[in-house]
Amino acid sequence: RPRAMNVLTQIRNRQRDTLAEVARGVPDSASWHAEFADSAYVFVGGLAYGLTEGDVLAVMSQFGEVVDVQLARDEETGKSKGFAHVAYDDQRSTVLAVDNLSGATVAGRVVNVDHVKEFRRKVPKPAEGEEGDEGKGDRGGAD
């Protein structure tokens, strides 16, 4: 079984591919980013555990209007797991975030930002006795 590629190597490879596309004048429709044109979500990994949803919003809003931040938390302790899914109002902001933030240092840690082809929001479990909306989560993409 092949070993998984180191995250920093993945970031460098994405940056190299993007720079090569720019140098060749590749149009947006032929870019590797085009595969993710139907999703307005990005994955943000390597986050400092002390960051809040507000902190993630502040960092990610540099690239466009953020409409959803899903900071992964441990169900029992509520502590951050160090990654989040972020949705933008305009899908083109995902390209800016991936190209400009991936590999940057945020709160002392190198973050990995990548496109998400399909993301299903986790719907909170209803309190006992309440009705829930299980299975009606947003699948991502621009409205």
C-alpha atoms as a PDB file:
ATOM      1  CA  ARG A   1       0.000   0.000   0.000  1.00  0.00           C
ATOM      2  CA  PRO A   2       1.525   3.363  -0.977  1.00  0.00           C
ATOM      3  CA  ARG A   3       2.221   5.832   1.793  1.00  0.00           C
ATOM      4  CA  ALA A   4       0.126   8.970   2.029  1.00  0.00           C
ATOM      5  CA  MET A   5       1.934  12.070   0.839  1.00  0.00           C
ATOM      6  CA  ASN A   6       3.113  14.508   3.506  1.00  0.00           C
ATOM      7  CA  VAL A   7       0.780  17.517   3.816  1.00  0.00           C
ATOM      8  CA  LEU A   8       3.599  20.002   3.182  1.00  0.00           C
ATOM      9  CA  THR A   9       4.522  18.102   0.012  1.00  0.00           C
ATOM     10  CA  GLN A  10       0.875  18.233  -1.097  1.00  0.00           C
ATOM     11  CA  ILE A  11       0.828  21.999  -0.522  1.00  0.00           C
ATOM     12  CA  ARG A  12       4.076  22.501  -2.470  1.00  0.00           C
ATOM     13  CA  ASN A  13       2.760  20.366  -5.344  1.00  0.00           C
ATOM     14  CA  ARG A  14      -0.496  22.360  -5.544  1.00  0.00           C
ATOM     15  CA  GLN A  15       1.455  25.638  -5.491  1.00  0.00           C
ATOM     16  CA  ARG A  16       3.770  24.346  -8.231  1.00  0.00           C
ATOM     17  CA  ASP A  17       0.816  23.267 -10.387  1.00  0.00           C
ATOM     18  CA  THR A  18      -0.909  26.622  -9.954  1.00  0.00           C
ATOM     19  CA  LEU A  19       2.226  28.599 -10.835  1.00  0.00           C
ATOM     20  CA  ALA A  20       2.751  26.415 -13.920  1.00  0.00           C
ATOM     21  CA  GLU A  21      -0.828  27.111 -15.051  1.00  0.00           C
ATOM     22  CA  VAL A  22      -0.340  30.851 -14.597  1.00  0.00           C
ATOM     23  CA  ALA A  23       2.939  30.754 -16.536  1.00  0.00           C
ATOM     24  CA  ARG A  24       1.249  28.867 -19.415  1.00  0.00           C
ATOM     25  CA  GLY A  25      -1.788  31.177 -19.401  1.00  0.00           C
ATOM     26  CA  VAL A  26      -4.239  28.352 -18.725  1.00  0.00           C
ATOM     27  CA  PRO A  27      -7.839  29.693 -18.709  1.00  0.00           C
ATOM     28  CA  ASP A  28      -9.968  29.224 -15.585  1.00  0.00           C
ATOM     29  CA  SER A  29     -12.140  26.643 -17.347  1.00  0.00           C
ATOM     30  CA  ALA A  30      -9.091  24.402 -17.946  1.00  0.00           C
ATOM     31  CA  SER A  31      -7.461  24.907 -14.539  1.00  0.00           C
ATOM     32  CA  TRP A  32      -7.235  22.095 -12.004  1.00  0.00           C
ATOM     33  CA  HIS A  33      -9.531  24.272  -9.855  1.00  0.00           C
ATOM     34  CA  ALA A  34     -12.360  23.808 -12.404  1.00  0.00           C
ATOM     35  CA  GLU A  35     -13.011  20.291 -11.077  1.00  0.00           C
ATOM     36  CA  PHE A  36     -14.383  21.953  -7.926  1.00  0.00           C
ATOM     37  CA  ALA A  37     -16.501  24.646  -9.612  1.00  0.00           C
ATOM     38  CA  ASP A  38     -19.717  23.255  -8.105  1.00  0.00           C
ATOM     39  CA  SER A  39     -18.606  23.570  -4.478  1.00  0.00           C
ATOM     40  CA  ALA A  40     -18.224  26.738  -2.445  1.00  0.00           C
ATOM     41  CA  TYR A  41     -16.583  24.843   0.448  1.00  0.00           C
ATOM     42  CA  VAL A  42     -12.910  24.515   1.329  1.00  0.00           C
ATOM     43  CA  PHE A  43     -11.195  22.305   3.886  1.00  0.00           C
ATOM     44  CA  VAL A  44      -8.884  24.150   6.286  1.00  0.00           C
ATOM     45  CA  GLY A  45      -6.504  21.860   8.185  1.00  0.00           C
ATOM     46  CA  GLY A  46      -3.621  22.388  10.567  1.00  0.00           C
ATOM     47  CA  LEU A  47      -5.497  24.986  12.609  1.00  0.00           C
ATOM     48  CA  ALA A  48      -4.290  25.849  16.093  1.00  0.00           C
ATOM     49  CA  TYR A  49      -6.585  24.113  18.573  1.00  0.00           C
ATOM     50  CA  GLY A  50      -7.311  27.363  20.416  1.00  0.00           C
ATOM     51  CA  LEU A  51      -8.871  29.077  17.388  1.00  0.00           C
ATOM     52  CA  THR A  52     -12.619  29.720  17.452  1.00  0.00           C
ATOM     53  CA  GLU A  53     -15.149  29.891  14.631  1.00  0.00           C
ATOM     54  CA  GLY A  54     -14.763  33.684  14.803  1.00  0.00           C
ATOM     55  CA  ASP A  55     -11.000  33.410  14.356  1.00  0.00           C
ATOM     56  CA  VAL A  56     -11.436  31.125  11.342  1.00  0.00           C
ATOM     57  CA  LEU A  57     -14.010  33.547   9.913  1.00  0.00           C
ATOM     58  CA  ALA A  58     -11.595  36.474  10.338  1.00  0.00           C
ATOM     59  CA  VAL A  59      -8.778  34.645   8.533  1.00  0.00           C
ATOM     60  CA  MET A  60     -10.877  33.175   5.728  1.00  0.00           C
ATOM     61  CA  SER A  61     -12.856  36.356   5.011  1.00  0.00           C
ATOM     62  CA  GLN A  62      -9.722  37.843   3.440  1.00  0.00           C
ATOM     63  CA  PHE A  63     -10.680  35.928   0.293  1.00  0.00           C
ATOM     64  CA  GLY A  64     -14.420  36.585   0.105  1.00  0.00           C
ATOM     65  CA  GLU A  65     -17.693  36.620   2.004  1.00  0.00           C
ATOM     66  CA  VAL A  66     -17.851  33.587   4.280  1.00  0.00           C
ATOM     67  CA  VAL A  67     -21.359  32.150   4.682  1.00  0.00           C
ATOM     68  CA  ASP A  68     -20.602  29.075   6.807  1.00  0.00           C
ATOM     69  CA  VAL A  69     -17.856  27.933   9.186  1.00  0.00           C
ATOM     70  CA  GLN A  70     -17.956  24.359  10.460  1.00  0.00           C
ATOM     71  CA  LEU A  71     -15.129  24.011  12.989  1.00  0.00           C
ATOM     72  CA  ALA A  72     -14.796  20.321  13.829  1.00  0.00           C
ATOM     73  CA  ARG A  73     -15.101  19.719  17.564  1.00  0.00           C
ATOM     74  CA  ASP A  74     -14.913  16.660  19.766  1.00  0.00           C
ATOM     75  CA  GLU A  75     -18.491  15.675  20.628  1.00  0.00           C
ATOM     76  CA  GLU A  76     -17.671  14.925  24.271  1.00  0.00           C
ATOM     77  CA  THR A  77     -15.239  17.709  25.175  1.00  0.00           C
ATOM     78  CA  GLY A  78     -16.210  20.395  22.647  1.00  0.00           C
ATOM     79  CA  LYS A  79     -12.519  21.000  21.925  1.00  0.00           C
ATOM     80  CA  SER A  80     -11.425  21.845  18.394  1.00  0.00           C
ATOM     81  CA  LYS A  81     -10.034  19.028  16.267  1.00  0.00           C
ATOM     82  CA  GLY A  82      -7.830  21.491  14.344  1.00  0.00           C
ATOM     83  CA  PHE A  83      -9.731  21.584  11.059  1.00  0.00           C
ATOM     84  CA  ALA A  84     -12.780  23.250   9.578  1.00  0.00           C
ATOM     85  CA  HIS A  85     -14.931  23.452   6.468  1.00  0.00           C
ATOM     86  CA  VAL A  86     -15.651  26.960   5.237  1.00  0.00           C
ATOM     87  CA  ALA A  87     -18.188  28.034   2.595  1.00  0.00           C
ATOM     88  CA  TYR A  88     -18.017  31.199   0.539  1.00  0.00           C
ATOM     89  CA  ASP A  89     -20.856  33.170  -1.011  1.00  0.00           C
ATOM     90  CA  ASP A  90     -18.962  33.148  -4.323  1.00  0.00           C
ATOM     91  CA  GLN A  91     -17.237  29.916  -5.387  1.00  0.00           C
ATOM     92  CA  ARG A  92     -14.393  31.891  -6.978  1.00  0.00           C
ATOM     93  CA  SER A  93     -13.284  32.818  -3.447  1.00  0.00           C
ATOM     94  CA  THR A  94     -12.362  29.173  -2.885  1.00  0.00           C
ATOM     95  CA  VAL A  95      -9.683  29.474  -5.572  1.00  0.00           C
ATOM     96  CA  LEU A  96      -8.247  32.566  -3.891  1.00  0.00           C
ATOM     97  CA  ALA A  97      -8.199  30.851  -0.490  1.00  0.00           C
ATOM     98  CA  VAL A  98      -6.582  27.651  -1.800  1.00  0.00           C
ATOM     99  CA  ASP A  99      -3.962  29.513  -3.836  1.00  0.00           C
ATOM    100  CA  ASN A 100      -3.093  32.154  -1.248  1.00  0.00           C
ATOM    101  CA  LEU A 101      -3.558  30.646   2.211  1.00  0.00           C
ATOM    102  CA  SER A 102      -2.410  27.060   1.809  1.00  0.00           C
ATOM    103  CA  GLY A 103       1.089  26.804   3.271  1.00  0.00           C
ATOM    104  CA  ALA A 104       0.788  30.053   5.226  1.00  0.00           C
ATOM    105  CA  THR A 105       1.378  30.209   8.966  1.00  0.00           C
ATOM    106  CA  VAL A 106      -1.679  31.079  11.061  1.00  0.00           C
ATOM    107  CA  ALA A 107      -1.349  31.284  14.850  1.00  0.00           C
ATOM    108  CA  GLY A 108       2.014  29.531  14.657  1.00  0.00           C
ATOM    109  CA  ARG A 109       0.886  26.591  12.507  1.00  0.00           C
ATOM    110  CA  VAL A 110       1.125  25.901   8.776  1.00  0.00           C
ATOM    111  CA  VAL A 111      -2.389  25.566   7.395  1.00  0.00           C
ATOM    112  CA  ASN A 112      -3.558  23.409   4.520  1.00  0.00           C
ATOM    113  CA  VAL A 113      -6.444  24.796   2.478  1.00  0.00           C
ATOM    114  CA  ASP A 114      -7.933  22.647  -0.256  1.00  0.00           C
ATOM    115  CA  HIS A 115     -11.087  22.393  -2.304  1.00  0.00           C
ATOM    116  CA  VAL A 116     -13.921  20.127  -1.188  1.00  0.00           C
ATOM    117  CA  LYS A 117     -15.848  18.452  -3.964  1.00  0.00           C
ATOM    118  CA  GLU A 118     -18.850  17.659  -1.807  1.00  0.00           C
ATOM    119  CA  PHE A 119     -19.547  18.653   1.786  1.00  0.00           C
ATOM    120  CA  ARG A 120     -22.551  17.757   3.887  1.00  0.00           C
ATOM    121  CA  ARG A 121     -23.094  19.966   6.907  1.00  0.00           C
ATOM    122  CA  LYS A 122     -23.429  18.057  10.120  1.00  0.00           C
ATOM    123  CA  VAL A 123     -26.901  18.623  11.490  1.00  0.00           C
ATOM    124  CA  PRO A 124     -26.913  18.888  15.292  1.00  0.00           C
ATOM    125  CA  LYS A 125     -28.757  16.110  17.040  1.00  0.00           C
ATOM    126  CA  PRO A 126     -32.041  17.358  18.480  1.00  0.00           C
ATOM    127  CA  ALA A 127     -32.449  17.471  22.240  1.00  0.00           C
ATOM    128  CA  GLU A 128     -34.526  14.662  23.663  1.00  0.00           C
ATOM    129  CA  GLY A 129     -38.183  15.234  22.824  1.00  0.00           C
ATOM    130  CA  GLU A 130     -37.466  17.636  19.928  1.00  0.00           C
ATOM    131  CA  GLU A 131     -37.943  16.866  16.257  1.00  0.00           C
ATOM    132  CA  GLY A 132     -34.854  17.098  14.072  1.00  0.00           C
ATOM    133  CA  ASP A 133     -33.974  17.784  10.466  1.00  0.00           C
ATOM    134  CA  GLU A 134     -31.673  14.788  10.009  1.00  0.00           C
ATOM    135  CA  GLY A 135     -30.535  14.274   6.457  1.00  0.00           C
ATOM    136  CA  LYS A 136     -31.450  17.749   5.293  1.00  0.00           C
ATOM    137  CA  GLY A 137     -27.920  19.166   5.427  1.00  0.00           C
ATOM    138  CA  ASP A 138     -26.523  21.482   2.800  1.00  0.00           C
ATOM    139  CA  ARG A 139     -24.447  19.663   0.182  1.00  0.00           C
ATOM    140  CA  GLY A 140     -22.369  22.728  -0.625  1.00  0.00           C
ATOM    141  CA  GLY A 141     -22.233  24.659  -3.836  1.00  0.00           C
ATOM    142  CA  ALA A 142     -23.303  28.173  -4.594  1.00  0.00           C
ATOM    143  CA  ASP A 143     -26.982  29.063  -4.411  1.00  0.00           C
END
